[in-house]
C-alpha atoms as a PDB file:
ATOM      1  CA  UNK A   1      16.303-117.153-109.285  1.00  0.00           C
ATOM      2  CA  UNK A   2      16.731-118.916-105.722  1.00  0.00           C
ATOM      3  CA  UNK A   3      15.425-117.878-102.477  1.00  0.00           C
ATOM      4  CA  UNK A   4      18.351-115.484-101.352  1.00  0.00           C
ATOM      5  CA  UNK A   5      18.656-113.951-104.755  1.00  0.00           C
ATOM      6  CA  UNK A   6      14.756-112.918-104.217  1.00  0.00           C
ATOM      7  CA  UNK A   7      15.371-111.457-100.786  1.00  0.00           C
ATOM      8  CA  UNK A   8      18.287-109.005-102.109  1.00  0.00           C
ATOM      9  CA  UNK A   9      16.161-107.958-105.257  1.00  0.00           C
ATOM     10  CA  UNK A  10      13.165-107.107-103.194  1.00  0.00           C
ATOM     11  CA  UNK A  11      15.375-105.131-100.547  1.00  0.00           C
ATOM     12  CA  UNK A  12      16.995-103.081-103.261  1.00  0.00           C
ATOM     13  CA  UNK A  13      13.555-102.260-104.933  1.00  0.00           C
ATOM     14  CA  UNK A  14      12.278-101.067-101.577  1.00  0.00           C
ATOM     15  CA  UNK A  15      15.006 -97.980-101.217  1.00  0.00           C
ATOM     16  CA  UNK A  16      14.926 -97.284-104.904  1.00  0.00           C
ATOM     17  CA  UNK A  17      12.850 -96.396-107.556  1.00  0.00           C
ATOM     18  CA  UNK A  18      14.480 -98.310-110.487  1.00  0.00           C
ATOM     19  CA  UNK A  19      11.850-101.117-110.094  1.00  0.00           C
ATOM     20  CA  UNK A  20       9.079 -98.984-110.811  1.00  0.00           C
ATOM     21  CA  UNK A  21       6.948 -99.946-113.657  1.00  0.00           C
ATOM     22  CA  UNK A  22       5.936 -97.365-115.998  1.00  0.00           C
ATOM     23  CA  UNK A  23       4.407 -97.380-119.675  1.00  0.00           C
ATOM     24  CA  UNK A  24       5.473 -94.471-121.736  1.00  0.00           C
ATOM     25  CA  UNK A  25       2.728 -92.190-123.009  1.00  0.00           C
ATOM     26  CA  UNK A  26       2.346 -92.446-126.549  1.00  0.00           C
ATOM     27  CA  UNK A  27       1.466 -89.090-128.750  1.00  0.00           C
ATOM     28  CA  UNK A  28      -2.398 -89.667-128.677  1.00  0.00           C
ATOM     29  CA  UNK A  29      -2.237 -89.774-125.159  1.00  0.00           C
ATOM     30  CA  UNK A  30      -0.437 -87.105-124.719  1.00  0.00           C
ATOM     31  CA  UNK A  31      -2.404 -85.236-126.967  1.00  0.00           C
ATOM     32  CA  UNK A  32      -5.772 -86.068-125.073  1.00  0.00           C
ATOM     33  CA  UNK A  33      -3.989 -84.811-121.452  1.00  0.00           C
ATOM     34  CA  UNK A  34      -3.173 -81.220-123.215  1.00  0.00           C
ATOM     35  CA  UNK A  35       0.611 -82.141-122.362  1.00  0.00           C
ATOM     36  CA  UNK A  36       2.865 -82.550-125.803  1.00  0.00           C
ATOM     37  CA  UNK A  37       6.109 -81.908-123.728  1.00  0.00           C
ATOM     38  CA  UNK A  38       5.442 -83.866-120.468  1.00  0.00           C
ATOM     39  CA  UNK A  39       5.815 -80.843-118.187  1.00  0.00           C
ATOM     40  CA  UNK A  40       3.633 -80.586-115.494  1.00  0.00           C
ATOM     41  CA  UNK A  41       0.699 -78.445-116.065  1.00  0.00           C
ATOM     42  CA  UNK A  42       0.753 -74.863-114.817  1.00  0.00           C
ATOM     43  CA  UNK A  43      -0.842 -74.171-111.921  1.00  0.00           C
ATOM     44  CA  UNK A  44      -3.275 -72.258-111.573  1.00  0.00           C
ATOM     45  CA  UNK A  45      -4.303 -72.676-115.342  1.00  0.00           C
ATOM     46  CA  UNK A  46      -2.831 -70.034-117.371  1.00  0.00           C
ATOM     47  CA  UNK A  47      -6.051 -69.839-120.026  1.00  0.00           C
ATOM     48  CA  UNK A  48      -6.936 -65.958-120.289  1.00  0.00           C
ATOM     49  CA  UNK A  49     -10.538 -66.597-121.386  1.00  0.00           C
ATOM     50  CA  UNK A  50     -11.571 -69.033-118.232  1.00  0.00           C
ATOM     51  CA  UNK A  51     -12.872 -67.074-115.370  1.00  0.00           C
ATOM     52  CA  UNK A  52     -13.963 -68.656-111.953  1.00  0.00           C
ATOM     53  CA  UNK A  53     -17.076 -67.685-109.836  1.00  0.00           C
ATOM     54  CA  UNK A  54     -20.359 -66.716-110.538  1.00  0.00           C
ATOM     55  CA  UNK A  55     -20.785 -64.758-113.496  1.00  0.00           C
ATOM     56  CA  UNK A  56     -22.527 -61.175-113.264  1.00  0.00           C
ATOM     57  CA  UNK A  57     -26.350 -61.271-113.817  1.00  0.00           C
ATOM     58  CA  UNK A  58     -27.109 -59.193-117.060  1.00  0.00           C
ATOM     59  CA  UNK A  59     -29.202 -56.452-116.705  1.00  0.00           C
ATOM     60  CA  UNK A  60     -31.509 -54.450-119.208  1.00  0.00           C
ATOM     61  CA  UNK A  61     -31.402 -50.781-118.785  1.00  0.00           C
ATOM     62  CA  UNK A  62     -34.732 -49.061-119.757  1.00  0.00           C
ATOM     63  CA  UNK A  63     -34.126 -45.460-121.272  1.00  0.00           C
ATOM     64  CA  UNK A  64     -37.053 -43.657-120.594  1.00  0.00           C
ATOM     65  CA  UNK A  65     -35.491 -40.729-122.218  1.00  0.00           C
ATOM     66  CA  UNK A  66     -35.844 -41.909-125.831  1.00  0.00           C
ATOM     67  CA  UNK A  67     -37.919 -39.563-127.829  1.00  0.00           C
ATOM     68  CA  UNK A  68     -38.796 -42.160-130.405  1.00  0.00           C
ATOM     69  CA  UNK A  69     -40.466 -44.259-128.021  1.00  0.00           C
ATOM     70  CA  UNK A  70     -44.017 -43.163-127.052  1.00  0.00           C
ATOM     71  CA  UNK A  71     -46.888 -44.496-125.900  1.00  0.00           C
ATOM     72  CA  UNK A  72     -50.713 -43.717-126.287  1.00  0.00           C
ATOM     73  CA  UNK A  73     -51.842 -41.351-129.059  1.00  0.00           C
ATOM     74  CA  UNK A  74     -49.647 -39.468-130.825  1.00  0.00           C
ATOM     75  CA  UNK A  75     -50.507 -35.796-130.389  1.00  0.00           C
ATOM     76  CA  UNK A  76     -51.404 -34.084-133.657  1.00  0.00           C
ATOM     77  CA  UNK A  77     -52.920 -37.412-135.534  1.00  0.00           C
ATOM     78  CA  UNK A  78     -56.511 -36.766-135.708  1.00  0.00           C
ATOM     79  CA  UNK A  79     -56.549 -40.645-136.403  1.00  0.00           C
ATOM     80  CA  UNK A  80     -56.059 -41.281-132.859  1.00  0.00           C
ATOM     81  CA  UNK A  81     -58.815 -41.445-130.499  1.00  0.00           C
ATOM     82  CA  UNK A  82     -59.297 -39.751-126.894  1.00  0.00           C
ATOM     83  CA  UNK A  83     -61.502 -39.978-124.191  1.00  0.00           C
ATOM     84  CA  UNK A  84     -62.664 -36.656-125.522  1.00  0.00           C
ATOM     85  CA  UNK A  85     -66.531 -36.945-127.267  1.00  0.00           C
ATOM     86  CA  UNK A  86     -66.305 -36.512-130.782  1.00  0.00           C
ATOM     87  CA  UNK A  87     -67.768 -32.910-131.709  1.00  0.00           C
ATOM     88  CA  UNK A  88     -67.277 -31.552-128.136  1.00  0.00           C
ATOM     89  CA  UNK A  89     -63.938 -30.314-128.901  1.00  0.00           C
ATOM     90  CA  UNK A  90     -63.636 -26.570-129.639  1.00  0.00           C
ATOM     91  CA  UNK A  91     -64.915 -26.581-133.258  1.00  0.00           C
ATOM     92  CA  UNK A  92     -66.103 -23.442-134.355  1.00  0.00           C
ATOM     93  CA  UNK A  93     -69.048 -22.634-136.495  1.00  0.00           C
ATOM     94  CA  UNK A  94     -69.479 -19.745-138.703  1.00  0.00           C
ATOM     95  CA  UNK A  95     -68.349 -18.335-141.954  1.00  0.00           C
ATOM     96  CA  UNK A  96     -64.360 -18.506-142.781  1.00  0.00           C
ATOM     97  CA  UNK A  97     -62.053 -17.388-145.433  1.00  0.00           C
ATOM     98  CA  UNK A  98     -60.718 -20.907-146.344  1.00  0.00           C
ATOM     99  CA  UNK A  99     -57.602 -20.880-148.446  1.00  0.00           C
ATOM    100  CA  UNK A 100     -55.225 -23.912-149.876  1.00  0.00           C
ATOM    101  CA  UNK A 101     -51.896 -23.103-150.664  1.00  0.00           C
ATOM    102  CA  UNK A 102     -50.585 -25.737-153.287  1.00  0.00           C
ATOM    103  CA  UNK A 103     -47.171 -27.030-153.625  1.00  0.00           C
ATOM    104  CA  UNK A 104     -47.609 -25.918-157.420  1.00  0.00           C
ATOM    105  CA  UNK A 105     -48.145 -22.223-156.645  1.00  0.00           C
ATOM    106  CA  UNK A 106     -48.068 -21.354-152.817  1.00  0.00           C
ATOM    107  CA  UNK A 107     -48.443 -17.954-153.329  1.00  0.00           C
ATOM    108  CA  UNK A 108     -51.710 -18.217-155.320  1.00  0.00           C
ATOM    109  CA  UNK A 109     -53.855 -19.899-153.035  1.00  0.00           C
ATOM    110  CA  UNK A 110     -57.439 -21.443-154.249  1.00  0.00           C
ATOM    111  CA  UNK A 111     -60.139 -19.455-151.915  1.00  0.00           C
ATOM    112  CA  UNK A 112     -63.787 -20.488-150.362  1.00  0.00           C
ATOM    113  CA  UNK A 113     -65.756 -19.106-148.187  1.00  0.00           C
ATOM    114  CA  UNK A 114     -66.210 -22.024-145.838  1.00  0.00           C
ATOM    115  CA  UNK A 115     -69.521 -22.369-143.690  1.00  0.00           C
ATOM    116  CA  UNK A 116     -69.316 -24.615-140.985  1.00  0.00           C
ATOM    117  CA  UNK A 117     -72.096 -26.001-138.502  1.00  0.00           C
ATOM    118  CA  UNK A 118     -72.196 -28.534-136.115  1.00  0.00           C
ATOM    119  CA  UNK A 119     -74.996 -31.712-136.751  1.00  0.00           C
ATOM    120  CA  UNK A 120     -76.379 -34.305-134.176  1.00  0.00           C
ATOM    121  CA  UNK A 121     -77.232 -34.379-130.363  1.00  0.00           C
ATOM    122  CA  UNK A 122     -74.581 -33.145-127.864  1.00  0.00           C
ATOM    123  CA  UNK A 123     -71.598 -35.987-127.619  1.00  0.00           C
ATOM    124  CA  UNK A 124     -72.454 -37.116-131.126  1.00  0.00           C
ATOM    125  CA  UNK A 125     -71.970 -34.318-133.002  1.00  0.00           C
ATOM    126  CA  UNK A 126     -70.179 -34.067-136.486  1.00  0.00           C
ATOM    127  CA  UNK A 127     -69.426 -31.122-138.542  1.00  0.00           C
ATOM    128  CA  UNK A 128     -70.940 -30.349-141.713  1.00  0.00           C
ATOM    129  CA  UNK A 129     -68.862 -27.607-144.059  1.00  0.00           C
ATOM    130  CA  UNK A 130     -70.047 -26.024-147.285  1.00  0.00           C
ATOM    131  CA  UNK A 131     -67.259 -24.522-149.163  1.00  0.00           C
ATOM    132  CA  UNK A 132     -68.141 -21.700-151.646  1.00  0.00           C
ATOM    133  CA  UNK A 133     -65.542 -21.391-154.390  1.00  0.00           C
ATOM    134  CA  UNK A 134     -64.380 -17.630-154.745  1.00  0.00           C
ATOM    135  CA  UNK A 135     -63.215 -16.026-158.327  1.00  0.00           C
ATOM    136  CA  UNK A 136     -59.695 -15.434-158.729  1.00  0.00           C
ATOM    137  CA  UNK A 137     -57.853 -13.574-161.939  1.00  0.00           C
ATOM    138  CA  UNK A 138     -54.929 -15.465-163.065  1.00  0.00           C
ATOM    139  CA  UNK A 139     -52.090 -14.710-160.934  1.00  0.00           C
ATOM    140  CA  UNK A 140     -54.185 -12.801-158.382  1.00  0.00           C
ATOM    141  CA  UNK A 141     -54.840 -13.078-154.725  1.00  0.00           C
ATOM    142  CA  UNK A 142     -57.211 -10.412-153.793  1.00  0.00           C
ATOM    143  CA  UNK A 143     -59.447 -10.063-157.047  1.00  0.00           C
ATOM    144  CA  UNK A 144     -62.376 -10.271-157.811  1.00  0.00           C
ATOM    145  CA  UNK A 145     -63.092 -12.876-155.114  1.00  0.00           C
ATOM    146  CA  UNK A 146     -66.959 -13.126-155.690  1.00  0.00           C
ATOM    147  CA  UNK A 147     -68.822 -16.592-155.363  1.00  0.00           C
ATOM    148  CA  UNK A 148     -68.788 -18.665-158.382  1.00  0.00           C
ATOM    149  CA  UNK A 149     -70.033 -22.219-159.215  1.00  0.00           C
ATOM    150  CA  UNK A 150     -71.916 -24.308-156.775  1.00  0.00           C
ATOM    151  CA  UNK A 151     -70.916 -25.099-153.240  1.00  0.00           C
ATOM    152  CA  UNK A 152     -68.633 -28.326-152.196  1.00  0.00           C
ATOM    153  CA  UNK A 153     -70.545 -29.752-149.282  1.00  0.00           C
ATOM    154  CA  UNK A 154     -69.119 -32.395-146.930  1.00  0.00           C
ATOM    155  CA  UNK A 155     -71.099 -33.862-144.176  1.00  0.00           C
ATOM    156  CA  UNK A 156     -70.264 -36.238-141.057  1.00  0.00           C
ATOM    157  CA  UNK A 157     -66.766 -34.900-140.271  1.00  0.00           C
ATOM    158  CA  UNK A 158     -65.501 -36.311-136.871  1.00  0.00           C
ATOM    159  CA  UNK A 159     -63.786 -33.879-134.673  1.00  0.00           C
ATOM    160  CA  UNK A 160     -61.683 -35.113-131.532  1.00  0.00           C
ATOM    161  CA  UNK A 161     -59.987 -32.579-129.327  1.00  0.00           C
ATOM    162  CA  UNK A 162     -60.135 -29.941-132.159  1.00  0.00           C
ATOM    163  CA  UNK A 163     -58.391 -32.306-134.731  1.00  0.00           C
ATOM    164  CA  UNK A 164     -59.895 -33.580-137.846  1.00  0.00           C
ATOM    165  CA  UNK A 165     -59.098 -35.866-141.059  1.00  0.00           C
ATOM    166  CA  UNK A 166     -61.634 -35.793-143.729  1.00  0.00           C
ATOM    167  CA  UNK A 167     -61.256 -37.533-147.182  1.00  0.00           C
ATOM    168  CA  UNK A 168     -62.752 -34.761-149.689  1.00  0.00           C
ATOM    169  CA  UNK A 169     -62.845 -37.281-152.656  1.00  0.00           C
ATOM    170  CA  UNK A 170     -62.722 -36.091-156.212  1.00  0.00           C
ATOM    171  CA  UNK A 171     -62.943 -32.542-156.159  1.00  0.00           C
ATOM    172  CA  UNK A 172     -63.868 -30.572-159.283  1.00  0.00           C
ATOM    173  CA  UNK A 173     -63.090 -26.638-159.245  1.00  0.00           C
ATOM    174  CA  UNK A 174     -64.197 -24.280-161.980  1.00  0.00           C
ATOM    175  CA  UNK A 175     -61.264 -22.420-164.173  1.00  0.00           C
ATOM    176  CA  UNK A 176     -62.873 -19.120-162.735  1.00  0.00           C
ATOM    177  CA  UNK A 177     -61.716 -20.278-159.305  1.00  0.00           C
ATOM    178  CA  UNK A 178     -58.157 -21.297-160.230  1.00  0.00           C
ATOM    179  CA  UNK A 179     -55.862 -18.465-160.286  1.00  0.00           C
ATOM    180  CA  UNK A 180     -52.934 -20.562-161.265  1.00  0.00           C
ATOM    181  CA  UNK A 181     -53.747 -21.397-164.871  1.00  0.00           C
ATOM    182  CA  UNK A 182     -57.322 -20.222-165.285  1.00  0.00           C
ATOM    183  CA  UNK A 183     -58.731 -23.615-165.963  1.00  0.00           C
ATOM    184  CA  UNK A 184     -60.796 -26.248-164.734  1.00  0.00           C
ATOM    185  CA  UNK A 185     -59.371 -28.809-162.472  1.00  0.00           C
ATOM    186  CA  UNK A 186     -60.132 -32.159-160.723  1.00  0.00           C
ATOM    187  CA  UNK A 187     -58.188 -33.399-157.689  1.00  0.00           C
ATOM    188  CA  UNK A 188     -58.739 -35.983-155.409  1.00  0.00           C
ATOM    189  CA  UNK A 189     -57.918 -34.634-151.643  1.00  0.00           C
ATOM    190  CA  UNK A 190     -57.859 -34.900-148.147  1.00  0.00           C
ATOM    191  CA  UNK A 191     -57.355 -32.520-145.311  1.00  0.00           C
ATOM    192  CA  UNK A 192     -55.679 -33.120-141.868  1.00  0.00           C
ATOM    193  CA  UNK A 193     -56.147 -29.977-139.695  1.00  0.00           C
ATOM    194  CA  UNK A 194     -56.619 -28.508-136.304  1.00  0.00           C
ATOM    195  CA  UNK A 195     -58.929 -25.737-134.522  1.00  0.00           C
ATOM    196  CA  UNK A 196     -56.122 -24.229-132.841  1.00  0.00           C
ATOM    197  CA  UNK A 197     -57.598 -20.729-131.744  1.00  0.00           C
ATOM    198  CA  UNK A 198     -61.302 -19.128-131.277  1.00  0.00           C
ATOM    199  CA  UNK A 199     -61.168 -17.874-134.919  1.00  0.00           C
ATOM    200  CA  UNK A 200     -58.659 -19.880-136.945  1.00  0.00           C
ATOM    201  CA  UNK A 201     -58.081 -23.609-137.964  1.00  0.00           C
ATOM    202  CA  UNK A 202     -55.426 -25.153-140.334  1.00  0.00           C
ATOM    203  CA  UNK A 203     -53.380 -28.006-141.524  1.00  0.00           C
ATOM    204  CA  UNK A 204     -52.082 -29.872-144.528  1.00  0.00           C
ATOM    205  CA  UNK A 205     -53.709 -31.113-147.803  1.00  0.00           C
ATOM    206  CA  UNK A 206     -52.786 -34.538-149.374  1.00  0.00           C
ATOM    207  CA  UNK A 207     -53.777 -36.047-152.350  1.00  0.00           C
ATOM    208  CA  UNK A 208     -53.305 -35.622-156.353  1.00  0.00           C
ATOM    209  CA  UNK A 209     -54.321 -33.030-159.130  1.00  0.00           C
ATOM    210  CA  UNK A 210     -55.890 -35.375-161.963  1.00  0.00           C
ATOM    211  CA  UNK A 211     -56.822 -32.734-164.641  1.00  0.00           C
ATOM    212  CA  UNK A 212     -55.437 -31.257-166.783  1.00  0.00           C
ATOM    213  CA  UNK A 213     -52.499 -32.808-165.502  1.00  0.00           C
ATOM    214  CA  UNK A 214     -51.382 -35.394-163.126  1.00  0.00           C
ATOM    215  CA  UNK A 215     -49.509 -34.042-160.094  1.00  0.00           C
ATOM    216  CA  UNK A 216     -48.748 -34.499-156.523  1.00  0.00           C
ATOM    217  CA  UNK A 217     -50.051 -32.462-154.062  1.00  0.00           C
ATOM    218  CA  UNK A 218     -48.649 -33.781-150.994  1.00  0.00           C
ATOM    219  CA  UNK A 219     -47.149 -30.814-149.071  1.00  0.00           C
ATOM    220  CA  UNK A 220     -49.749 -28.099-149.760  1.00  0.00           C
ATOM    221  CA  UNK A 221     -51.622 -26.200-146.519  1.00  0.00           C
ATOM    222  CA  UNK A 222     -54.631 -24.753-145.496  1.00  0.00           C
ATOM    223  CA  UNK A 223     -55.648 -22.222-143.314  1.00  0.00           C
ATOM    224  CA  UNK A 224     -59.184 -20.460-142.305  1.00  0.00           C
ATOM    225  CA  UNK A 225     -59.768 -17.377-141.079  1.00  0.00           C
ATOM    226  CA  UNK A 226     -63.254 -16.181-139.442  1.00  0.00           C
ATOM    227  CA  UNK A 227     -64.955 -13.364-141.185  1.00  0.00           C
ATOM    228  CA  UNK A 228     -68.218 -11.386-140.217  1.00  0.00           C
ATOM    229  CA  UNK A 229     -68.747 -10.201-143.819  1.00  0.00           C
ATOM    230  CA  UNK A 230     -68.156 -12.553-146.718  1.00  0.00           C
ATOM    231  CA  UNK A 231     -68.201  -9.108-148.724  1.00  0.00           C
ATOM    232  CA  UNK A 232     -65.612  -7.927-146.862  1.00  0.00           C
ATOM    233  CA  UNK A 233     -62.600 -10.012-147.017  1.00  0.00           C
ATOM    234  CA  UNK A 234     -58.827  -9.862-145.613  1.00  0.00           C
ATOM    235  CA  UNK A 235     -56.285  -8.467-147.711  1.00  0.00           C
ATOM    236  CA  UNK A 236     -53.468 -10.652-146.122  1.00  0.00           C
ATOM    237  CA  UNK A 237     -54.728 -14.186-147.002  1.00  0.00           C
ATOM    238  CA  UNK A 238     -53.425 -16.659-144.247  1.00  0.00           C
ATOM    239  CA  UNK A 239     -51.560 -19.713-146.086  1.00  0.00           C
ATOM    240  CA  UNK A 240     -50.887 -22.516-143.207  1.00  0.00           C
ATOM    241  CA  UNK A 241     -50.918 -22.828-139.511  1.00  0.00           C
ATOM    242  CA  UNK A 242     -47.149 -20.834-139.366  1.00  0.00           C
ATOM    243  CA  UNK A 243     -49.012 -17.976-140.055  1.00  0.00           C
ATOM    244  CA  UNK A 244     -47.559 -17.138-143.422  1.00  0.00           C
ATOM    245  CA  UNK A 245     -49.603 -14.985-145.664  1.00  0.00           C
ATOM    246  CA  UNK A 246     -49.929 -13.745-149.501  1.00  0.00           C
ATOM    247  CA  UNK A 247     -51.458 -10.643-150.879  1.00  0.00           C
ATOM    248  CA  UNK A 248     -51.171  -8.918-154.400  1.00  0.00           C
ATOM    249  CA  UNK A 249     -48.522  -6.459-154.889  1.00  0.00           C
END
């Protein structure tokens, strides 16, 4: 091409796009740019899940009204300790009619005269209880209720704020004191209780009947009412903390 031809070619390209060099995009390049049609991208981007600006700082709500969230000792749990001195809670001494209402026969309680006393120096006292079984005719609640057999004695029972838990171990009771079947029985028992008033304490019984048959006693209850004269016992026998009673028809 001579000089004049180059001059006219440059002049035409100055006022036209016909001489612009542009390589076509192949499919791989178009896919990488996200543009498969060659159309200009939408402005602004139309991605509905894309947000701009600073994201809000997440917060944690503290629900102080959650009834299941508790701190500190659980009320009514004698296994928890407190600032109170063991044995200086309202532990009552003296004689009580102590009745155990079993899940096997709730209306035919096994009864004792429980004699409580405190052992040890102030601030270090524990409770001692001697439980004298009472004879009962089979199916009866109030007769004859005379002492039978040897007392069951338990010592070193800690009481905190009136609450106590004691493992009685294996207990053997004469059939004469069993109003349910009239036969001797052996049971492994624990008591969880509370002194709830000046003349009354009560709670629940955990454990198992070992003989003459195997049976769970969990869910049984006990109640103890102060008495002035072991020969003059109430006819309505307290069974539990709710105040339920049993007597003969």
